[in-house]
Amino acid sequence: MSTLKPLIVILGPTSSGKTEMGFKLAKKYNGEIINADSRQIYREMDIGTGKTDIAYWSKGFSPKSLATEINFTIGLKPSLQIHLINIKNPNQKFSLSQYKKLAIKAIDDIHKKNKIPILVGGTGLYISAIVDNLEIPKASPNKIIRQKLEKHTDEYLFNKLKKIDLKSARTIGENNKRKLIRALEVCEITGKPFSSQQIKGEPLFNVLQIGIKTDREKLYKKIDERVDEMIRIGLIKETKKLSKKYSFDLPAMSGIGYFEIGQYLKNKITLDDAVQKIKYRTHQYARRQMTWFKRDERIRWIEDYSEAEKLIKKFLK
């Protein structure tokens, strides 16, 4: 039996129902949630990052019933403690090492309160940093290298990374410019592949990883419905407001949803085109998430809440 303190992880692709399950489990098992979504760390970016789900489920409403009655504001105080959400402005840098440090502190603080920490999200690298106690490459950001890389397209950066670090390229994908630049930057500074420097350390916690299994076609349908709902409740208005304060060149503003609506606001594409592009990019992202998670044989895949309950009861004994 492990002497390490427990940590429950709820993971899966976008739109798979992680937030709903995380809140239900936290309420049942006296837990607190730690966010493991790399986009939900940013303030003011609410609708496009799915924080609406957090507000809905923390208040005990279903998304559809609440969305028809009120305009969403993340300012609503949730009934459960959520850590590492709304901690940075969109123009502030935030690294994997920063996330790891803050997440471990949050988990330790939850344990001190004799509660169960529940890590909820779909950013594989964030989850791995905690579960595997990753040693993050110690390469400080280099402004000259970054400026040089920023000038190139996502496709160019992706192909460049494939030549020198195929493993990282496959993990990151071709539509994440910020992470592509960081991987290439580390490769250039250290002279070693980025992937070879993410070394696993001794485990920090006794971890149960629960993955939500979803049928691909059903997942795509849920994604498409979610995108339509984002448009309906104000993604265009939110993006327009953000664009008055932040450049679309920022990594946060080039994320799925905000970039496409930005293109629409600049009259470069139609709204229909923007919506279709958001859906397509989100499908791609969900596939990359599942590719990442399927490599980890420790994940216990479930289809519904009752299966998760059974696993947790046995784990906590």
Protein backbone atom coordinates (compact mmCIF):
# COMPACT_ATOMS: atom_id res chain seq x y z
CA MET A 1 0.00 0.00 0.00
CA SER A 2 1.31 3.43 -0.97
CA THR A 3 2.24 5.88 1.78
CA LEU A 4 1.88 8.79 -0.62
CA LYS A 5 -1.15 11.06 -0.32
CA PRO A 6 -3.94 10.57 -2.88
CA LEU A 7 -4.55 12.52 -6.07
CA ILE A 8 -7.46 11.82 -8.41
CA VAL A 9 -7.17 12.90 -12.05
CA ILE A 10 -10.19 13.29 -14.34
CA LEU A 11 -9.04 13.60 -17.95
CA GLY A 12 -10.24 13.24 -21.50
CA PRO A 13 -10.64 15.18 -24.74
CA THR A 14 -12.42 18.51 -24.93
CA SER A 15 -16.22 18.32 -24.55
CA SER A 16 -16.09 14.82 -23.04
CA GLY A 17 -17.75 15.86 -19.76
CA LYS A 18 -14.71 16.24 -17.48
CA THR A 19 -16.03 19.32 -15.69
CA GLU A 20 -19.40 17.81 -14.84
CA MET A 21 -17.81 14.62 -13.55
CA GLY A 22 -15.12 16.50 -11.63
CA PHE A 23 -17.68 18.61 -9.76
CA LYS A 24 -19.93 15.67 -8.95
CA LEU A 25 -17.00 13.70 -7.56
CA ALA A 26 -15.64 16.67 -5.61
CA LYS A 27 -18.99 17.19 -3.92
CA LYS A 28 -19.34 13.50 -3.08
CA TYR A 29 -15.80 12.93 -1.79
CA ASN A 30 -15.11 16.26 -0.05
CA GLY A 31 -12.71 17.36 -2.75
CA GLU A 32 -11.35 20.49 -4.36
CA ILE A 33 -10.55 20.92 -8.03
CA ILE A 34 -7.24 21.89 -9.60
CA ASN A 35 -7.54 23.13 -13.17
CA ALA A 36 -5.42 21.27 -15.76
CA ASP A 37 -6.52 23.25 -18.82
CA SER A 38 -3.82 25.51 -20.23
CA ARG A 39 -6.31 28.07 -21.54
CA GLN A 40 -8.43 28.46 -18.43
CA ILE A 41 -5.56 30.06 -16.56
CA TYR A 42 -6.26 33.32 -18.43
CA ARG A 43 -8.58 36.01 -17.08
CA GLU A 44 -11.25 37.52 -19.34
CA MET A 45 -11.18 34.49 -21.66
CA ASP A 46 -14.29 32.72 -20.44
CA ILE A 47 -16.67 31.60 -23.16
CA GLY A 48 -14.00 30.47 -25.64
CA THR A 49 -12.15 28.42 -23.02
CA GLY A 50 -15.18 26.60 -21.65
CA LYS A 51 -15.23 28.31 -18.25
CA THR A 52 -18.97 28.56 -18.70
CA ASP A 53 -19.11 24.85 -17.84
CA ILE A 54 -17.33 25.55 -14.55
CA ALA A 55 -19.82 28.24 -13.59
CA TYR A 56 -22.76 26.05 -14.56
CA TRP A 57 -21.74 22.85 -12.78
CA SER A 58 -20.39 24.60 -9.70
CA LYS A 59 -23.84 26.12 -9.22
CA GLY A 60 -25.65 22.85 -9.77
CA PHE A 61 -27.33 23.85 -13.03
CA SER A 62 -27.03 22.13 -16.37
CA PRO A 63 -25.36 24.23 -19.10
CA LYS A 64 -28.39 24.30 -21.38
CA SER A 65 -30.90 25.33 -18.72
CA LEU A 66 -28.75 28.11 -17.31
CA ALA A 67 -27.48 29.45 -20.63
CA THR A 68 -31.02 30.30 -21.72
CA GLU A 69 -31.71 32.34 -18.59
CA ILE A 70 -28.67 34.51 -17.85
CA ASN A 71 -25.66 36.10 -19.45
CA PHE A 72 -22.58 34.23 -18.31
CA THR A 73 -20.11 35.88 -15.93
CA ILE A 74 -17.20 34.00 -14.37
CA GLY A 75 -17.56 36.36 -11.43
CA LEU A 76 -20.22 34.08 -9.98
CA LYS A 77 -18.68 32.56 -6.89
CA PRO A 78 -18.63 28.76 -7.29
CA SER A 79 -19.82 26.50 -4.52
CA LEU A 80 -16.57 24.50 -4.69
CA GLN A 81 -12.99 25.70 -4.48
CA ILE A 82 -11.25 25.71 -7.87
CA HIS A 83 -7.50 26.27 -8.09
CA LEU A 84 -5.38 27.66 -10.94
CA ILE A 85 -8.15 29.35 -12.89
CA ASN A 86 -8.03 33.05 -13.88
CA ILE A 87 -4.50 33.53 -12.58
CA LYS A 88 -2.87 35.33 -15.53
CA ASN A 89 -3.79 38.04 -18.02
CA PRO A 90 -3.72 37.02 -21.71
CA ASN A 91 -0.53 39.03 -22.29
CA GLN A 92 1.37 37.42 -19.39
CA LYS A 93 3.70 34.47 -19.88
CA PHE A 94 3.03 31.22 -18.10
CA SER A 95 5.35 28.22 -18.29
CA LEU A 96 4.98 24.53 -17.57
CA SER A 97 7.38 24.86 -14.65
CA GLN A 98 5.20 27.63 -13.17
CA TYR A 99 2.14 25.43 -13.55
CA LYS A 100 3.84 22.48 -11.87
CA LYS A 101 4.97 24.58 -8.91
CA LEU A 102 1.52 26.14 -8.37
CA ALA A 103 -0.36 22.86 -8.86
CA ILE A 104 1.79 20.98 -6.33
CA LYS A 105 1.26 23.78 -3.80
CA ALA A 106 -2.51 23.66 -4.39
CA ILE A 107 -2.56 19.88 -3.96
CA ASP A 108 -0.54 20.11 -0.74
CA ASP A 109 -2.87 22.82 0.61
CA ILE A 110 -5.91 20.65 -0.12
CA HIS A 111 -4.32 17.71 1.70
CA LYS A 112 -3.67 19.95 4.72
CA LYS A 113 -7.43 20.57 4.88
CA ASN A 114 -8.01 16.79 4.86
CA LYS A 115 -9.73 17.04 1.50
CA ILE A 116 -9.21 15.12 -1.73
CA PRO A 117 -7.45 16.97 -4.59
CA ILE A 118 -9.01 16.32 -8.00
CA LEU A 119 -7.00 17.40 -11.04
CA VAL A 120 -9.42 18.06 -13.92
CA GLY A 121 -8.48 18.91 -17.50
CA GLY A 122 -7.28 17.89 -20.91
CA THR A 123 -3.82 19.43 -21.21
CA GLY A 124 -1.69 16.30 -21.28
CA LEU A 125 1.60 18.00 -20.46
CA TYR A 126 0.14 19.74 -17.40
CA ILE A 127 -1.20 16.42 -16.11
CA SER A 128 2.04 14.58 -16.85
CA ALA A 129 4.07 17.26 -15.07
CA ILE A 130 2.25 16.37 -11.84
CA VAL A 131 1.58 12.65 -12.27
CA ASP A 132 5.11 11.87 -13.51
CA ASN A 133 6.88 14.64 -11.58
CA LEU A 134 8.53 15.80 -14.81
CA GLU A 135 11.86 17.53 -14.63
CA ILE A 136 11.21 20.60 -16.81
CA PRO A 137 14.08 21.61 -19.17
CA LYS A 138 16.04 24.44 -17.56
CA ALA A 139 16.38 26.69 -20.58
CA SER A 140 15.50 30.33 -19.96
CA PRO A 141 13.46 32.09 -22.68
CA ASN A 142 15.67 33.63 -25.36
CA LYS A 143 14.14 36.77 -26.88
CA ILE A 144 16.28 36.69 -30.03
CA ILE A 145 15.45 33.05 -30.82
CA ARG A 146 11.77 33.60 -30.14
CA GLN A 147 11.55 36.69 -32.34
CA LYS A 148 13.20 34.77 -35.16
CA LEU A 149 10.77 31.85 -34.81
CA GLU A 150 7.69 34.08 -34.42
CA LYS A 151 8.11 35.27 -38.03
CA HIS A 152 7.34 31.80 -39.40
CA THR A 153 4.02 30.02 -39.90
CA ASP A 154 2.78 27.16 -37.72
CA GLU A 155 3.35 24.77 -40.64
CA TYR A 156 6.98 25.82 -41.05
CA LEU A 157 7.67 25.49 -37.31
CA PHE A 158 5.98 22.10 -37.18
CA ASN A 159 8.03 20.75 -40.10
CA LYS A 160 11.23 22.16 -38.61
CA LEU A 161 10.53 20.46 -35.27
CA LYS A 162 9.70 17.17 -37.01
CA LYS A 163 13.22 17.08 -38.46
CA ILE A 164 14.97 17.48 -35.12
CA ASP A 165 12.46 16.08 -32.60
CA LEU A 166 9.71 13.98 -34.18
CA LYS A 167 8.33 12.87 -30.81
CA SER A 168 7.72 16.44 -29.64
CA ALA A 169 6.26 17.43 -33.00
CA ARG A 170 3.71 14.62 -32.83
CA THR A 171 2.83 15.48 -29.25
CA ILE A 172 2.41 19.22 -29.81
CA GLY A 173 0.71 19.11 -33.21
CA GLU A 174 0.87 21.68 -35.98
CA ASN A 175 -1.57 24.26 -34.62
CA ASN A 176 0.08 25.24 -31.35
CA LYS A 177 2.58 27.95 -32.21
CA ARG A 178 3.51 28.81 -28.64
CA LYS A 179 4.54 25.24 -27.77
CA LEU A 180 6.26 24.71 -31.13
CA ILE A 181 8.38 27.80 -30.52
CA ARG A 182 9.24 26.70 -26.98
CA ALA A 183 10.27 23.21 -28.14
CA LEU A 184 12.46 24.63 -30.91
CA GLU A 185 13.91 27.20 -28.53
CA VAL A 186 14.92 24.52 -26.00
CA CYS A 187 16.40 22.36 -28.78
CA GLU A 188 18.52 25.28 -30.01
CA ILE A 189 19.69 26.38 -26.56
CA THR A 190 20.53 22.92 -25.20
CA GLY A 191 21.47 21.11 -28.40
CA LYS A 192 19.21 18.22 -27.35
CA PRO A 193 15.68 17.16 -28.38
CA PHE A 194 13.01 18.78 -26.24
CA SER A 195 11.34 15.38 -25.64
CA SER A 196 14.51 13.82 -24.22
CA GLN A 197 14.69 16.47 -21.51
CA GLN A 198 11.31 15.79 -19.94
CA ILE A 199 12.54 13.19 -17.48
CA LYS A 200 10.20 11.50 -15.02
CA GLY A 201 11.05 11.84 -11.34
CA GLU A 202 10.01 9.96 -8.22
CA PRO A 203 6.19 10.05 -7.78
CA LEU A 204 4.86 12.81 -5.54
CA PHE A 205 1.38 11.39 -5.00
CA ASN A 206 -0.58 8.15 -5.08
CA VAL A 207 -2.48 8.79 -8.31
CA LEU A 208 -5.68 7.42 -9.79
CA GLN A 209 -6.13 8.59 -13.38
CA ILE A 210 -9.66 8.28 -14.75
CA GLY A 211 -10.22 8.88 -18.45
CA ILE A 212 -13.62 9.53 -20.01
CA LYS A 213 -14.11 7.22 -22.97
CA THR A 214 -16.08 8.74 -25.84
CA ASP A 215 -17.22 7.63 -29.28
CA ARG A 216 -15.52 9.86 -31.86
CA GLU A 217 -18.64 10.74 -33.84
CA LYS A 218 -20.60 11.51 -30.68
CA LEU A 219 -17.71 13.62 -29.42
CA TYR A 220 -17.55 15.61 -32.67
CA LYS A 221 -21.28 16.25 -32.41
CA LYS A 222 -20.88 17.50 -28.82
CA ILE A 223 -17.99 19.73 -29.91
CA ASP A 224 -20.05 21.21 -32.74
CA GLU A 225 -23.00 21.86 -30.43
CA ARG A 226 -20.69 23.45 -27.90
CA VAL A 227 -19.17 25.78 -30.51
CA ASP A 228 -22.65 26.84 -31.64
CA GLU A 229 -23.54 27.51 -27.99
CA MET A 230 -20.39 29.62 -27.52
CA ILE A 231 -21.40 31.78 -30.47
CA ARG A 232 -24.94 32.08 -29.12
CA ILE A 233 -23.94 33.21 -25.63
CA GLY A 234 -21.39 35.79 -26.74
CA LEU A 235 -18.02 34.56 -28.07
CA ILE A 236 -17.99 37.31 -30.72
CA LYS A 237 -18.63 40.01 -28.13
CA GLU A 238 -16.00 38.52 -25.80
CA THR A 239 -13.39 38.37 -28.57
CA LYS A 240 -14.14 41.93 -29.68
CA LYS A 241 -13.69 43.16 -26.10
CA LEU A 242 -10.39 41.27 -25.75
CA SER A 243 -9.09 42.62 -29.09
CA LYS A 244 -9.30 46.16 -27.76
CA LYS A 245 -6.77 45.29 -25.05
CA TYR A 246 -4.67 42.44 -26.47
CA SER A 247 -2.99 41.66 -29.79
CA PHE A 248 -3.99 38.60 -31.79
CA ASP A 249 -0.25 37.88 -32.03
CA LEU A 250 -0.27 36.78 -28.39
CA PRO A 251 -0.28 33.00 -27.84
CA ALA A 252 -3.46 33.22 -25.77
CA MET A 253 -5.27 35.19 -28.48
CA SER A 254 -4.23 32.77 -31.21
CA GLY A 255 -6.01 29.89 -29.46
CA ILE A 256 -8.93 28.00 -30.96
CA GLY A 257 -12.01 30.19 -31.17
CA TYR A 258 -10.42 33.56 -30.56
CA PHE A 259 -8.20 33.42 -33.63
CA GLU A 260 -11.05 32.49 -35.98
CA ILE A 261 -13.45 35.07 -34.56
CA GLY A 262 -10.60 37.57 -34.83
CA GLN A 263 -10.34 36.76 -38.53
CA TYR A 264 -14.08 37.36 -38.84
CA LEU A 265 -13.86 40.70 -36.99
CA LYS A 266 -11.12 41.77 -39.42
CA ASN A 267 -13.46 40.89 -42.32
CA LYS A 268 -11.06 38.24 -43.58
CA ILE A 269 -13.58 35.40 -43.40
CA THR A 270 -17.35 35.08 -42.95
CA LEU A 271 -18.90 34.11 -39.64
CA ASP A 272 -19.97 30.75 -41.09
CA ASP A 273 -16.37 30.10 -42.16
CA ALA A 274 -15.09 31.09 -38.70
CA VAL A 275 -17.51 28.71 -36.98
CA GLN A 276 -16.59 25.82 -39.28
CA LYS A 277 -12.87 26.46 -38.74
CA ILE A 278 -13.36 26.48 -34.96
CA LYS A 279 -15.16 23.15 -35.14
CA TYR A 280 -12.50 21.61 -37.40
CA ARG A 281 -9.59 22.80 -35.25
CA THR A 282 -11.35 21.54 -32.12
CA HIS A 283 -11.82 18.12 -33.73
CA GLN A 284 -8.09 18.07 -34.49
CA TYR A 285 -7.27 19.07 -30.92
CA ALA A 286 -9.48 16.31 -29.50
CA ARG A 287 -7.67 13.74 -31.65
CA ARG A 288 -4.28 14.96 -30.41
CA GLN A 289 -5.49 14.77 -26.81
CA MET A 290 -6.59 11.16 -27.24
CA THR A 291 -3.31 10.24 -28.95
CA TRP A 292 -1.47 11.64 -25.92
CA PHE A 293 -3.63 9.92 -23.32
CA LYS A 294 -3.72 6.53 -25.03
CA ARG A 295 0.03 6.20 -24.51
CA ASP A 296 -0.48 6.03 -20.73
CA GLU A 297 -1.52 2.51 -19.73
CA ARG A 298 -2.17 3.62 -16.15
CA ILE A 299 -5.33 5.51 -17.14
CA ARG A 300 -8.56 3.72 -16.20
CA TRP A 301 -11.08 4.42 -18.94
CA ILE A 302 -14.74 4.72 -17.99
CA GLU A 303 -17.99 5.52 -19.77
CA ASP A 304 -20.13 6.92 -16.96
CA TYR A 305 -20.14 8.39 -13.47
CA SER A 306 -21.00 5.15 -11.67
CA GLU A 307 -17.81 3.51 -12.99
CA ALA A 308 -15.78 6.44 -11.70
CA GLU A 309 -17.41 6.14 -8.29
CA LYS A 310 -16.50 2.46 -8.01
CA LEU A 311 -12.87 3.15 -8.92
CA ILE A 312 -12.57 5.97 -6.41
CA LYS A 313 -14.19 4.03 -3.56
CA LYS A 314 -11.69 1.23 -4.03
CA PHE A 315 -8.80 3.72 -4.42
CA LEU A 316 -9.57 5.67 -1.25
CA LYS A 317 -9.85 2.52 0.88
